[in-house]
Amino acid sequence: MINVGFIGAGNMGSAIMKGIVSSDMSKEISLFAYDKFEAALDKARAMGVTGTAAAADVVKQCKYVFFAIKPQQLDEVLDEVANDVTADTVIVSILAGVTDEYYARRTVPGAKVVLVMPNTPFLLGEGATALSRSESVTDEEFGLVQKIFSSGGISKVIPKDKMKEIIAINGSSPAFIYLYAKYFVDYAESVGIDGETAKELFAKSLIGSAKMLTDSGKTVDELITMVSSKGGTTIAGLEKLREGGLGDAVEECCKACTKRAYELSK
């Protein structure tokens, strides 16, 4: 059996554990977890995960150690566990902005680190996860981590030096999409349409549009053209989005997200 441990059993940590437990990987993986909140640990235990009394216990018992905590908590946790990290430990980090070099400085030189940017739809098995690795991680080790994240959606490997830039694309983007949806639902309510009905219709439109993006074989521009009859309603709306600077707003949004990721890495 392969021992896989989690430092942090909150929403994302528990979602990843649930993905493992509900897949065929459960036959080859034993799960361990630590969380400072007993309620979170109890939920993990209910899934068959072995709870531990301290974060260091997870590192001592597991080859693969997932850091599923807030970036602000990392230094305190590393102070506790650094001496127990070995050259064989595979650190799996879902913390925005934290680099593999930082883990190596705080633990062991050349530490094995897999950097991961998942997103909250992983909770529903519809996650989109970006991964990269330090040079010391073997293909077999990286393959197992990628398989774990593929259990809750799709996973894509990207260059290590783009892990901060990708955050706006898949990590933070669900919040941006929710805000976009909110404005459409708000408009519907302002003209007398039931908000819940509007939300369901718009959400299904998002789902269908996403499937068209991934499965239709058409480019984004071609898909826009399919909906846009000359002189019609869609064209009128698109013109206002462009006049309102939607493209510039999205670019500035992504830049701000990336800038904050670099700040967190210092």
Protein backbone atom coordinates (compact mmCIF):
# COMPACT_ATOMS: atom_id res chain seq x y z
CA MET A 1 0.00 0.00 0.00
CA ILE A 2 1.09 3.57 -0.70
CA ASN A 3 0.70 5.97 2.22
CA VAL A 4 -0.74 9.34 1.19
CA GLY A 5 -1.19 12.05 3.79
CA PHE A 6 -2.96 15.39 4.00
CA ILE A 7 -2.00 18.35 6.14
CA GLY A 8 -5.31 20.16 6.00
CA ALA A 9 -8.67 18.39 5.69
CA GLY A 10 -10.83 21.36 4.69
CA ASN A 11 -12.93 21.70 1.54
CA MET A 12 -10.21 21.01 -1.01
CA GLY A 13 -8.30 18.48 1.06
CA SER A 14 -11.43 16.48 1.80
CA ALA A 15 -12.53 16.68 -1.85
CA ILE A 16 -9.22 15.18 -3.01
CA MET A 17 -9.47 12.45 -0.38
CA LYS A 18 -13.04 11.72 -1.48
CA GLY A 19 -11.83 11.40 -5.07
CA ILE A 20 -9.25 8.82 -4.01
CA VAL A 21 -11.67 6.88 -1.80
CA SER A 22 -14.32 6.68 -4.53
CA SER A 23 -11.89 5.51 -7.23
CA ASP A 24 -10.04 2.26 -7.84
CA MET A 25 -6.98 3.89 -6.26
CA SER A 26 -8.48 3.14 -2.86
CA LYS A 27 -7.19 -0.42 -3.28
CA GLU A 28 -3.58 0.75 -3.38
CA ILE A 29 -3.60 3.86 -1.20
CA SER A 30 -3.86 4.28 2.57
CA LEU A 31 -4.93 7.78 3.61
CA PHE A 32 -3.78 9.80 6.61
CA ALA A 33 -4.75 13.33 7.59
CA TYR A 34 -4.17 16.06 10.13
CA ASP A 35 -6.25 19.18 10.68
CA LYS A 36 -6.26 21.58 13.62
CA PHE A 37 -10.05 21.52 13.51
CA GLU A 38 -11.38 18.28 14.97
CA ALA A 39 -14.66 18.53 13.01
CA ALA A 40 -12.75 18.47 9.70
CA LEU A 41 -10.73 15.49 10.90
CA ASP A 42 -13.91 13.67 11.93
CA LYS A 43 -15.28 14.07 8.38
CA ALA A 44 -12.07 12.59 7.03
CA ARG A 45 -12.28 9.67 9.45
CA ALA A 46 -15.84 9.02 8.26
CA MET A 47 -14.36 8.36 4.80
CA GLY A 48 -11.95 5.80 6.24
CA VAL A 49 -9.00 8.18 6.57
CA THR A 50 -6.66 7.68 9.54
CA GLY A 51 -6.51 10.85 11.61
CA THR A 52 -3.26 11.89 13.28
CA ALA A 53 -2.51 13.99 16.34
CA ALA A 54 0.01 16.27 14.61
CA ALA A 55 1.13 17.36 11.14
CA ALA A 56 4.53 15.76 11.74
CA ASP A 57 2.85 12.38 12.15
CA VAL A 58 1.53 12.63 8.59
CA VAL A 59 5.01 13.31 7.22
CA LYS A 60 6.56 10.49 9.25
CA GLN A 61 4.08 7.93 7.95
CA CYS A 62 3.55 8.98 4.34
CA LYS A 63 5.61 9.10 1.15
CA TYR A 64 3.18 11.56 -0.46
CA VAL A 65 2.28 14.58 1.66
CA PHE A 66 -0.39 17.01 0.45
CA PHE A 67 -0.21 20.54 1.81
CA ALA A 68 -3.85 21.65 1.69
CA ILE A 69 -3.70 24.65 3.99
CA LYS A 70 -3.73 28.43 3.55
CA PRO A 71 -0.43 30.01 2.42
CA GLN A 72 -0.38 32.07 5.62
CA GLN A 73 -0.21 28.84 7.66
CA LEU A 74 2.65 27.27 5.72
CA ASP A 75 5.64 28.61 7.65
CA GLU A 76 4.24 27.46 10.98
CA VAL A 77 3.55 23.99 9.60
CA LEU A 78 6.97 23.72 7.95
CA ASP A 79 8.61 24.64 11.25
CA GLU A 80 6.90 21.60 12.72
CA VAL A 81 7.48 19.06 9.95
CA ALA A 82 10.72 20.09 8.20
CA ASN A 83 12.95 17.70 10.13
CA ASP A 84 10.75 14.75 9.14
CA VAL A 85 10.81 15.45 5.40
CA THR A 86 13.29 13.19 3.61
CA ALA A 87 14.73 13.07 0.11
CA ASP A 88 12.10 10.42 -0.66
CA THR A 89 9.10 12.46 0.51
CA VAL A 90 6.91 13.77 -2.30
CA ILE A 91 5.43 17.13 -1.30
CA VAL A 92 2.21 17.96 -3.14
CA SER A 93 1.39 21.64 -2.75
CA ILE A 94 -1.93 23.26 -3.68
CA LEU A 95 -0.89 26.61 -2.19
CA ALA A 96 -1.08 29.53 -4.60
CA GLY A 97 2.25 31.17 -5.36
CA VAL A 98 4.50 28.89 -3.27
CA THR A 99 7.40 27.49 -5.31
CA ASP A 100 9.24 24.19 -5.17
CA GLU A 101 12.43 26.11 -4.36
CA TYR A 102 10.78 27.45 -1.21
CA TYR A 103 9.90 23.96 0.01
CA ALA A 104 13.45 22.82 -0.74
CA ARG A 105 14.92 25.72 1.27
CA ARG A 106 12.69 24.92 4.21
CA THR A 107 13.02 21.12 4.16
CA VAL A 108 15.71 19.21 2.23
CA PRO A 109 17.86 20.29 -0.73
CA GLY A 110 16.37 19.06 -3.99
CA ALA A 111 13.07 18.20 -2.31
CA LYS A 112 10.55 16.34 -4.43
CA VAL A 113 7.71 18.80 -5.01
CA VAL A 114 4.62 18.65 -7.19
CA LEU A 115 2.94 22.03 -7.59
CA VAL A 116 -0.81 21.84 -8.12
CA MET A 117 -3.50 24.40 -8.89
CA PRO A 118 -6.92 22.74 -8.56
CA ASN A 119 -10.28 24.49 -8.40
CA THR A 120 -13.43 24.14 -6.34
CA PRO A 121 -15.53 22.28 -8.97
CA PHE A 122 -13.31 19.34 -7.92
CA LEU A 123 -15.85 19.05 -5.08
CA LEU A 124 -18.38 17.82 -7.67
CA GLY A 125 -15.93 15.73 -9.70
CA GLU A 126 -15.71 18.48 -12.33
CA GLY A 127 -12.35 19.96 -11.40
CA ALA A 128 -9.74 21.42 -13.73
CA THR A 129 -6.26 20.98 -12.28
CA ALA A 130 -2.89 22.25 -13.50
CA LEU A 131 0.28 20.46 -12.35
CA SER A 132 4.05 20.79 -12.62
CA ARG A 133 6.97 19.19 -10.80
CA SER A 134 10.49 19.70 -9.61
CA GLU A 135 13.24 17.84 -11.46
CA SER A 136 13.70 15.33 -8.61
CA VAL A 137 10.17 13.90 -8.93
CA THR A 138 10.16 10.65 -10.92
CA ASP A 139 7.70 9.87 -13.70
CA GLU A 140 6.10 7.19 -11.52
CA GLU A 141 5.64 9.59 -8.60
CA PHE A 142 4.26 12.34 -10.78
CA GLY A 143 1.98 9.87 -12.52
CA LEU A 144 0.36 8.88 -9.23
CA VAL A 145 -0.30 12.51 -8.27
CA GLN A 146 -1.75 13.26 -11.70
CA LYS A 147 -3.98 10.19 -11.43
CA ILE A 148 -5.27 11.42 -8.06
CA PHE A 149 -6.29 14.78 -9.50
CA SER A 150 -7.76 13.21 -12.61
CA SER A 151 -10.13 11.34 -10.28
CA GLY A 152 -12.00 14.60 -9.71
CA GLY A 153 -12.07 16.02 -13.24
CA ILE A 154 -9.29 16.72 -15.73
CA SER A 155 -5.62 17.49 -15.13
CA LYS A 156 -3.12 19.20 -17.39
CA VAL A 157 0.67 19.45 -17.06
CA ILE A 158 2.12 22.93 -17.60
CA PRO A 159 5.63 24.43 -17.30
CA LYS A 160 6.68 25.05 -13.73
CA ASP A 161 7.35 28.73 -14.37
CA LYS A 162 3.71 29.27 -15.40
CA MET A 163 2.08 28.00 -12.21
CA LYS A 164 1.35 31.53 -11.02
CA GLU A 165 -0.04 32.66 -14.37
CA ILE A 166 -2.39 29.66 -14.58
CA ILE A 167 -4.20 30.60 -11.37
CA ALA A 168 -6.42 33.14 -13.13
CA ILE A 169 -7.32 30.58 -15.78
CA ASN A 170 -8.50 27.68 -13.63
CA GLY A 171 -7.90 28.32 -9.94
CA SER A 172 -9.61 31.66 -9.42
CA SER A 173 -11.76 31.66 -12.56
CA PRO A 174 -14.80 29.96 -10.98
CA ALA A 175 -15.28 33.08 -8.82
CA PHE A 176 -15.01 35.30 -11.89
CA ILE A 177 -17.61 33.17 -13.66
CA TYR A 178 -19.94 33.32 -10.64
CA LEU A 179 -19.70 37.11 -10.62
CA TYR A 180 -20.46 37.22 -14.35
CA ALA A 181 -23.48 34.97 -13.76
CA LYS A 182 -24.65 37.15 -10.88
CA TYR A 183 -24.93 40.18 -13.15
CA PHE A 184 -27.12 38.27 -15.61
CA VAL A 185 -29.36 36.98 -12.83
CA ASP A 186 -29.56 40.48 -11.34
CA TYR A 187 -30.68 41.80 -14.73
CA ALA A 188 -33.33 39.08 -15.02
CA GLU A 189 -34.75 40.01 -11.63
CA SER A 190 -34.74 43.70 -12.55
CA VAL A 191 -37.09 42.99 -15.47
CA GLY A 192 -39.40 40.77 -13.45
CA ILE A 193 -38.01 37.28 -14.12
CA ASP A 194 -37.71 34.89 -11.18
CA GLY A 195 -34.09 34.81 -10.03
CA GLU A 196 -33.94 31.06 -9.45
CA THR A 197 -35.36 30.37 -12.91
CA ALA A 198 -32.82 32.75 -14.46
CA LYS A 199 -29.97 31.14 -12.52
CA GLU A 200 -30.90 27.65 -13.72
CA LEU A 201 -31.23 28.78 -17.33
CA PHE A 202 -27.96 30.71 -17.28
CA ALA A 203 -26.10 27.89 -15.49
CA LYS A 204 -27.27 25.36 -18.05
CA SER A 205 -26.18 27.77 -20.78
CA LEU A 206 -22.72 27.87 -19.19
CA ILE A 207 -22.56 24.07 -19.05
CA GLY A 208 -23.68 23.69 -22.64
CA SER A 209 -21.37 26.42 -23.87
CA ALA A 210 -18.44 24.77 -22.08
CA LYS A 211 -19.24 21.48 -23.80
CA MET A 212 -19.33 23.27 -27.14
CA LEU A 213 -15.88 24.70 -26.39
CA THR A 214 -14.40 21.28 -25.57
CA ASP A 215 -16.35 18.94 -27.87
CA SER A 216 -17.53 20.81 -30.97
CA GLY A 217 -14.14 21.02 -32.66
CA LYS A 218 -14.80 24.67 -33.47
CA THR A 219 -12.72 27.68 -32.47
CA VAL A 220 -14.00 30.25 -30.00
CA ASP A 221 -14.54 32.75 -32.80
CA GLU A 222 -16.50 30.19 -34.84
CA LEU A 223 -18.73 29.43 -31.86
CA ILE A 224 -19.45 33.14 -31.36
CA THR A 225 -20.40 33.44 -35.02
CA MET A 226 -22.78 30.47 -34.72
CA VAL A 227 -24.86 32.38 -32.16
CA SER A 228 -24.59 35.78 -33.84
CA SER A 229 -27.13 36.39 -36.61
CA LYS A 230 -26.39 39.54 -38.60
CA GLY A 231 -28.34 42.46 -37.16
CA GLY A 232 -29.77 40.26 -34.39
CA THR A 233 -29.98 40.41 -30.60
CA THR A 234 -26.66 38.67 -29.91
CA ILE A 235 -24.71 41.08 -32.10
CA ALA A 236 -26.29 44.00 -30.24
CA GLY A 237 -25.27 42.54 -26.91
CA LEU A 238 -21.74 41.67 -28.05
CA GLU A 239 -21.21 45.22 -29.24
CA LYS A 240 -22.05 46.56 -25.80
CA LEU A 241 -19.71 44.09 -24.10
CA ARG A 242 -16.90 45.23 -26.36
CA GLU A 243 -17.76 48.90 -25.92
CA GLY A 244 -17.77 48.36 -22.17
CA GLY A 245 -14.22 47.04 -22.29
CA LEU A 246 -14.88 43.41 -21.35
CA GLY A 247 -11.61 42.26 -22.94
CA ASP A 248 -9.57 44.87 -21.07
CA ALA A 249 -11.35 44.07 -17.81
CA VAL A 250 -10.58 40.36 -18.14
CA GLU A 251 -6.93 41.10 -18.93
CA GLU A 252 -6.60 43.37 -15.89
CA CYS A 253 -8.35 40.77 -13.75
CA CYS A 254 -5.85 38.08 -14.79
CA LYS A 255 -2.88 40.42 -14.30
CA ALA A 256 -4.03 41.33 -10.78
CA CYS A 257 -4.52 37.67 -9.91
CA THR A 258 -1.04 36.78 -11.17
CA LYS A 259 0.54 39.78 -9.42
CA ARG A 260 -0.92 38.64 -6.10
CA ALA A 261 0.43 35.13 -6.68
CA TYR A 262 3.95 36.52 -7.08
CA GLU A 263 3.48 38.57 -3.90
CA LEU A 264 2.47 35.45 -1.99
CA SER A 265 5.59 33.65 -3.21
CA LYS A 266 7.96 36.12 -1.55
